[in-house]
Amino acid sequence: MSINKKLLDILCCPQTKIPVEIMKTEALAALNQKVAAGEVQYCDETKVDEPLAAALITKDHATIYRIDDDIPVMIQQKGIAADQLDSKIL
């Protein structure tokens, strides 16, 4: 995954305006395990049914946004509440 540094510097959560950072590999792997088990929902309460190839997470570790084809999906309803993961992983 390659996301432009300048773009990353200006991206933020559309709801809270908190800046985002690239999600750590270990946390992404743990999230994808839960996705595979059917245990993860988007903020709009629909099930996350595909693993994430890459993701951004708000710097307060509250919301995760998927990256599809190197394009961040910064739609609040398609955010993933990070409290669905063990906080030690984040």
Protein backbone atom coordinates (compact mmCIF):
# COMPACT_ATOMS: atom_id res chain seq x y z
CA MET A 1 0.00 0.00 0.00
CA SER A 2 1.29 3.41 -0.87
CA ILE A 3 -0.56 6.45 0.30
CA ASN A 4 0.81 9.88 -0.44
CA LYS A 5 2.38 11.42 2.68
CA LYS A 6 0.83 14.81 1.93
CA LEU A 7 -2.60 13.21 1.65
CA LEU A 8 -2.09 11.30 4.89
CA ASP A 9 -1.11 14.56 6.63
CA ILE A 10 -4.45 16.18 5.78
CA LEU A 11 -6.83 13.23 6.17
CA CYS A 12 -9.02 13.13 9.25
CA CYS A 13 -12.16 11.47 10.50
CA PRO A 14 -15.13 13.12 8.76
CA GLN A 15 -17.11 13.17 12.01
CA THR A 16 -14.59 14.02 14.75
CA LYS A 17 -11.91 15.71 12.60
CA ILE A 18 -9.23 13.68 14.43
CA PRO A 19 -6.23 12.97 12.17
CA VAL A 20 -5.59 9.42 10.98
CA GLU A 21 -2.53 7.21 10.66
CA ILE A 22 -1.81 3.92 8.94
CA MET A 23 -3.03 0.99 11.00
CA LYS A 24 -0.31 -1.34 12.30
CA THR A 25 0.10 -4.68 10.55
CA GLU A 26 -0.61 -6.68 13.73
CA ALA A 27 -3.81 -4.75 14.43
CA LEU A 28 -4.95 -5.16 10.82
CA ALA A 29 -4.35 -8.92 11.04
CA ALA A 30 -6.38 -9.13 14.27
CA LEU A 31 -9.19 -7.11 12.68
CA ASN A 32 -9.23 -9.38 9.63
CA GLN A 33 -9.47 -12.46 11.88
CA LYS A 34 -12.60 -10.98 13.44
CA VAL A 35 -13.95 -10.05 10.00
CA ALA A 36 -13.49 -13.67 8.88
CA ALA A 37 -15.39 -14.81 11.98
CA GLY A 38 -18.25 -12.41 11.16
CA GLU A 39 -17.70 -10.37 14.32
CA VAL A 40 -17.15 -6.87 12.88
CA GLN A 41 -19.66 -4.21 11.86
CA TYR A 42 -19.39 -0.83 10.17
CA CYS A 43 -20.73 2.23 12.01
CA ASP A 44 -23.97 1.87 10.02
CA GLU A 45 -24.33 -1.58 11.65
CA THR A 46 -23.83 -3.56 8.43
CA LYS A 47 -21.48 -6.51 8.61
CA VAL A 48 -17.91 -6.13 7.33
CA ASP A 49 -17.83 -9.03 4.92
CA GLU A 50 -14.46 -8.55 3.21
CA PRO A 51 -11.01 -8.43 4.81
CA LEU A 52 -9.19 -5.12 4.70
CA ALA A 53 -6.01 -4.97 2.63
CA ALA A 54 -4.98 -1.81 4.46
CA ALA A 55 -6.57 0.66 6.85
CA LEU A 56 -6.29 4.01 8.55
CA ILE A 57 -7.12 4.55 12.21
CA THR A 58 -7.81 7.79 14.02
CA LYS A 59 -4.98 8.90 16.28
CA ASP A 60 -7.24 8.42 19.30
CA HIS A 61 -7.69 4.78 18.15
CA ALA A 62 -11.48 5.11 18.01
CA THR A 63 -12.35 4.60 14.33
CA ILE A 64 -10.88 2.54 11.50
CA TYR A 65 -11.29 3.37 7.80
CA ARG A 66 -10.53 0.83 5.09
CA ILE A 67 -8.26 1.57 2.14
CA ASP A 68 -9.43 0.03 -1.14
CA ASP A 69 -7.09 0.08 -4.16
CA ASP A 70 -4.91 2.70 -2.39
CA ILE A 71 -7.95 4.96 -1.89
CA PRO A 72 -9.02 5.74 1.70
CA VAL A 73 -12.76 5.23 2.20
CA MET A 74 -13.42 8.17 4.50
CA ILE A 75 -17.17 7.76 4.85
CA GLN A 76 -18.37 7.95 8.45
CA GLN A 77 -21.00 5.22 7.98
CA LYS A 78 -18.30 2.89 6.62
CA GLY A 79 -15.98 3.51 9.53
CA ILE A 80 -15.36 0.64 11.93
CA ALA A 81 -15.48 1.26 15.67
CA ALA A 82 -12.09 0.19 16.99
CA ASP A 83 -13.60 -0.98 20.28
CA GLN A 84 -14.47 -4.18 18.42
CA LEU A 85 -10.77 -5.08 18.84
CA ASP A 86 -8.68 -5.69 21.93
CA SER A 87 -7.26 -2.27 22.87
CA LYS A 88 -3.82 -3.84 23.57
CA ILE A 89 -3.44 -4.60 19.85
CA LEU A 90 -4.07 -1.03 18.75
